[in-house]
Amino acid sequence: MKGSDLRTARLTKGLSQVDAGARLGVSQSYLAMLERGQRRLTPRVAVRAAKLYGLTPTVVPRSRPDLPTRVDAATLARDAAGLGYPGFAHLRSPRWTPKNPGEVLLAALAQDELEPRLVEALPWLVLRYSNLDWGWVVREAKVRDLQNRLGFVVALARQVATRLGDKAQARPLRDLEAQLERSRLAREDTLCQASLSPAERRWLLDHRPDVARHWNLLTDWTADALRHTA
């Protein structure tokens, strides 16, 4: 988020620098410097600004420098709810702290085990927040060997967009798939289901959909199985 974006958002809300500064927890003079680009926007102020101005969560910096290796299902569900996922609408709370959807997506993909209702939310996140900083998301995925999982989820999102006739979304998602394709891993993986039994693994090896086979994932998820779309 640039200083000019911060100023535009404030003016759109009809707030003076004094009023906005008070709500953001900063002085009027400091806010003026932020809006002129003379001070760097801190994550704390960015989160408050996103909430105060009703900005898209994609402008929110990630909350920590590294992705957590384990996140409980309740936290991921609340984060998806806060980002607007219809499947968790009952969990939405005005006290939710905005999180970058890219961070939520990567944290979910990094889990060894993920409930089906959370897996189902991931293609929705890709579609809903297609303006993510995908360069950063892809880099982080590669560092953690998550590119196959991410590629598969992007492929499902692209299939949904194609089915809906939304070429504007389908085209960049296809380009993103092609980018991830260049680093596709040869080893077999699951879509956050490390506890699959040997029998389940053998069955999925033979019966998984083509897109899962392409991304070397043992999963039976398909675009048709998704109940919610962007």
Protein backbone atom coordinates (compact mmCIF):
# COMPACT_ATOMS: atom_id res chain seq x y z
CA MET A 1 0.00 0.00 0.00
CA LYS A 2 1.49 3.33 -1.09
CA GLY A 3 1.00 6.62 0.69
CA SER A 4 -1.18 7.90 -2.13
CA ASP A 5 -3.42 4.83 -1.74
CA LEU A 6 -3.74 5.60 1.96
CA ARG A 7 -4.78 9.19 1.22
CA THR A 8 -7.27 8.14 -1.46
CA ALA A 9 -8.85 5.60 0.90
CA ARG A 10 -9.17 8.23 3.67
CA LEU A 11 -10.76 10.78 1.36
CA THR A 12 -13.16 8.16 0.01
CA LYS A 13 -14.32 7.59 3.59
CA GLY A 14 -14.69 11.34 4.10
CA LEU A 15 -12.30 11.47 7.05
CA SER A 16 -9.92 14.27 7.95
CA GLN A 17 -6.33 13.46 8.81
CA VAL A 18 -7.06 14.31 12.44
CA ASP A 19 -10.03 11.91 12.64
CA ALA A 20 -8.30 9.15 10.68
CA GLY A 21 -5.10 9.51 12.70
CA ALA A 22 -7.03 9.17 15.95
CA ARG A 23 -8.71 5.98 14.75
CA LEU A 24 -5.43 4.57 13.43
CA GLY A 25 -3.59 5.38 16.64
CA VAL A 26 -1.17 7.85 15.07
CA SER A 27 -0.83 11.63 15.09
CA GLN A 28 -2.11 13.84 12.30
CA SER A 29 1.45 14.86 11.40
CA TYR A 30 2.62 11.23 11.23
CA LEU A 31 -0.35 10.26 9.03
CA ALA A 32 0.45 13.19 6.75
CA MET A 33 4.01 11.87 6.35
CA LEU A 34 2.68 8.37 5.65
CA GLU A 35 0.39 9.72 2.94
CA ARG A 36 3.26 11.67 1.38
CA GLY A 37 5.46 8.57 1.39
CA GLN A 38 7.90 10.11 3.86
CA ARG A 39 7.43 7.31 6.39
CA ARG A 40 7.13 3.59 5.88
CA LEU A 41 3.73 2.07 6.67
CA THR A 42 4.10 -0.39 9.55
CA PRO A 43 2.15 -3.70 9.54
CA ARG A 44 0.18 -2.57 12.60
CA VAL A 45 -1.02 0.64 10.95
CA ALA A 46 -1.62 -1.17 7.65
CA VAL A 47 -3.96 -3.65 9.35
CA ARG A 48 -5.83 -0.82 11.09
CA ALA A 49 -6.08 1.13 7.84
CA ALA A 50 -7.45 -1.88 5.96
CA LYS A 51 -10.13 -2.30 8.59
CA LEU A 52 -10.96 1.42 8.96
CA TYR A 53 -11.11 2.14 5.23
CA GLY A 54 -12.63 -1.20 4.18
CA LEU A 55 -9.66 -2.02 1.93
CA THR A 56 -9.06 -5.39 0.33
CA PRO A 57 -7.01 -7.70 2.62
CA THR A 58 -4.44 -8.12 -0.16
CA VAL A 59 -2.91 -4.81 0.96
CA VAL A 60 -2.24 -6.19 4.45
CA PRO A 61 1.41 -7.22 5.01
CA ARG A 62 1.97 -10.75 6.24
CA SER A 63 1.75 -10.94 9.99
CA ARG A 64 5.06 -12.74 10.51
CA PRO A 65 8.27 -13.25 8.49
CA ASP A 66 7.89 -17.03 8.34
CA LEU A 67 4.86 -19.22 7.79
CA PRO A 68 3.76 -21.28 10.79
CA THR A 69 4.28 -25.02 10.34
CA ARG A 70 1.12 -25.84 12.24
CA VAL A 71 -2.09 -23.84 12.39
CA ASP A 72 -5.18 -25.23 14.07
CA ALA A 73 -8.33 -25.74 12.03
CA ALA A 74 -10.33 -23.22 14.07
CA THR A 75 -7.86 -20.42 13.29
CA LEU A 76 -7.82 -21.22 9.57
CA ALA A 77 -11.63 -21.36 9.52
CA ARG A 78 -11.88 -17.96 11.23
CA ASP A 79 -9.36 -16.49 8.81
CA ALA A 80 -11.29 -17.84 5.81
CA ALA A 81 -14.51 -16.48 7.32
CA GLY A 82 -12.95 -13.05 7.80
CA LEU A 83 -11.88 -13.08 4.16
CA GLY A 84 -15.50 -13.66 3.17
CA TYR A 85 -15.64 -17.40 2.46
CA PRO A 86 -19.36 -18.31 2.36
CA GLY A 87 -18.81 -21.75 3.87
CA PHE A 88 -17.76 -20.18 7.17
CA ALA A 89 -20.12 -17.20 7.17
CA HIS A 90 -21.33 -18.16 10.66
CA LEU A 91 -17.82 -17.55 12.02
CA ARG A 92 -17.46 -13.95 10.86
CA SER A 93 -16.68 -11.46 13.58
CA PRO A 94 -16.18 -7.67 13.53
CA ARG A 95 -13.22 -8.24 15.87
CA TRP A 96 -11.33 -10.25 13.26
CA THR A 97 -7.90 -8.86 12.43
CA PRO A 98 -7.46 -8.66 8.64
CA LYS A 99 -4.89 -11.09 7.24
CA ASN A 100 -3.33 -11.26 3.83
CA PRO A 101 -5.17 -14.00 1.90
CA GLY A 102 -1.88 -15.18 0.41
CA GLU A 103 -0.60 -15.86 3.91
CA VAL A 104 -3.77 -17.77 4.79
CA LEU A 105 -3.56 -19.80 1.57
CA LEU A 106 0.07 -20.77 2.10
CA ALA A 107 -0.43 -21.58 5.78
CA ALA A 108 -3.27 -23.95 4.87
CA LEU A 109 -1.29 -25.65 2.11
CA ALA A 110 1.63 -26.19 4.49
CA GLN A 111 -0.41 -28.35 6.86
CA ASP A 112 0.11 -32.11 6.99
CA GLU A 113 -3.59 -32.55 7.72
CA LEU A 114 -6.42 -30.26 6.65
CA GLU A 115 -10.14 -30.80 7.06
CA PRO A 116 -12.09 -31.17 3.79
CA ARG A 117 -14.15 -28.06 4.54
CA LEU A 118 -10.89 -26.07 4.67
CA VAL A 119 -9.45 -27.68 1.55
CA GLU A 120 -12.64 -26.67 -0.25
CA ALA A 121 -12.07 -23.03 0.71
CA LEU A 122 -8.68 -22.79 -1.03
CA PRO A 123 -9.82 -22.54 -4.69
CA TRP A 124 -12.34 -19.93 -3.54
CA LEU A 125 -9.52 -17.88 -2.02
CA VAL A 126 -7.58 -18.05 -5.29
CA LEU A 127 -10.61 -16.84 -7.26
CA ARG A 128 -11.76 -14.22 -4.78
CA TYR A 129 -8.31 -12.67 -4.38
CA SER A 130 -6.90 -13.12 -7.85
CA ASN A 131 -5.02 -9.80 -7.41
CA LEU A 132 -2.69 -11.36 -4.85
CA ASP A 133 1.04 -10.77 -5.07
CA TRP A 134 1.47 -14.09 -6.86
CA GLY A 135 5.20 -13.58 -7.28
CA TRP A 136 5.58 -13.68 -3.52
CA VAL A 137 3.11 -16.57 -3.11
CA VAL A 138 4.91 -18.69 -5.71
CA ARG A 139 8.33 -17.96 -4.21
CA GLU A 140 7.12 -18.92 -0.74
CA ALA A 141 5.50 -22.08 -2.10
CA LYS A 142 8.73 -23.16 -3.80
CA VAL A 143 10.78 -22.59 -0.66
CA ARG A 144 8.46 -24.99 1.17
CA ASP A 145 7.99 -27.50 -1.68
CA LEU A 146 4.31 -26.58 -1.90
CA GLN A 147 4.24 -25.79 -5.62
CA ASN A 148 2.38 -28.99 -6.53
CA ARG A 149 -0.34 -28.35 -3.96
CA LEU A 150 -0.61 -24.72 -5.05
CA GLY A 151 -0.62 -25.69 -8.73
CA PHE A 152 -3.47 -28.12 -8.16
CA VAL A 153 -5.56 -25.57 -6.23
CA VAL A 154 -4.94 -22.95 -8.93
CA ALA A 155 -5.97 -25.51 -11.56
CA LEU A 156 -9.27 -26.13 -9.76
CA ALA A 157 -9.88 -22.38 -9.52
CA ARG A 158 -9.14 -21.99 -13.22
CA GLN A 159 -11.58 -24.80 -14.06
CA VAL A 160 -14.27 -23.05 -12.05
CA ALA A 161 -13.60 -19.75 -13.82
CA THR A 162 -13.74 -21.50 -17.20
CA ARG A 163 -17.00 -23.21 -16.30
CA LEU A 164 -18.46 -19.82 -15.34
CA GLY A 165 -17.28 -18.32 -18.62
CA ASP A 166 -15.03 -15.86 -16.81
CA LYS A 167 -12.15 -15.55 -19.27
CA ALA A 168 -10.75 -12.53 -17.43
CA GLN A 169 -10.00 -14.74 -14.44
CA ALA A 170 -9.26 -17.99 -16.25
CA ARG A 171 -6.49 -16.54 -18.43
CA PRO A 172 -4.15 -15.28 -15.66
CA LEU A 173 -4.77 -18.45 -13.66
CA ARG A 174 -3.67 -20.51 -16.65
CA ASP A 175 -0.52 -18.37 -16.84
CA LEU A 176 0.04 -18.98 -13.13
CA GLU A 177 -0.30 -22.73 -13.68
CA ALA A 178 2.32 -22.52 -16.43
CA GLN A 179 4.65 -20.67 -14.07
CA LEU A 180 4.25 -23.33 -11.39
CA GLU A 181 4.61 -26.07 -14.00
CA ARG A 182 8.27 -25.16 -14.46
CA SER A 183 9.01 -26.20 -10.87
CA ARG A 184 6.57 -29.13 -10.58
CA LEU A 185 7.91 -31.80 -8.25
CA ALA A 186 8.13 -35.43 -9.39
CA ARG A 187 7.46 -36.97 -5.98
CA GLU A 188 3.98 -38.01 -4.95
CA ASP A 189 2.24 -35.93 -2.30
CA THR A 190 -1.22 -35.54 -0.83
CA LEU A 191 -3.42 -32.48 -0.56
CA CYS A 192 -2.81 -32.10 3.17
CA GLN A 193 -3.78 -35.71 3.98
CA ALA A 194 -0.56 -37.24 5.29
CA SER A 195 -2.48 -39.83 7.33
CA LEU A 196 -3.91 -41.64 4.28
CA SER A 197 -3.73 -45.40 4.75
CA PRO A 198 -1.80 -47.56 2.25
CA ALA A 199 -5.13 -48.82 0.88
CA GLU A 200 -6.41 -45.27 0.38
CA ARG A 201 -3.19 -44.30 -1.34
CA ARG A 202 -3.41 -47.25 -3.74
CA TRP A 203 -7.03 -46.42 -4.57
CA LEU A 204 -6.28 -42.75 -5.21
CA LEU A 205 -3.27 -43.66 -7.32
CA ASP A 206 -5.64 -45.42 -9.73
CA HIS A 207 -8.78 -43.27 -9.41
CA ARG A 208 -7.60 -39.67 -8.94
CA PRO A 209 -8.68 -37.12 -11.57
CA ASP A 210 -6.29 -36.19 -14.34
CA VAL A 211 -5.45 -32.79 -12.85
CA ALA A 212 -4.39 -34.44 -9.57
CA ARG A 213 -2.33 -37.00 -11.49
CA HIS A 214 -0.63 -34.18 -13.37
CA TRP A 215 0.35 -32.45 -10.12
CA ASN A 216 1.41 -35.77 -8.52
CA LEU A 217 -1.17 -35.47 -5.76
CA LEU A 218 -3.17 -38.26 -4.16
CA THR A 219 -6.58 -36.61 -3.91
CA ASP A 220 -10.02 -37.01 -5.43
CA TRP A 221 -10.99 -33.33 -5.29
CA THR A 222 -12.49 -31.93 -8.51
CA ALA A 223 -13.88 -28.53 -9.49
CA ASP A 224 -17.36 -30.06 -9.65
CA ALA A 225 -17.16 -30.97 -5.96
CA LEU A 226 -16.68 -27.36 -4.85
CA ARG A 227 -19.83 -25.90 -3.34
CA HIS A 228 -18.72 -22.27 -3.25
CA THR A 229 -17.25 -20.14 -6.02
CA ALA A 230 -16.10 -16.53 -6.02
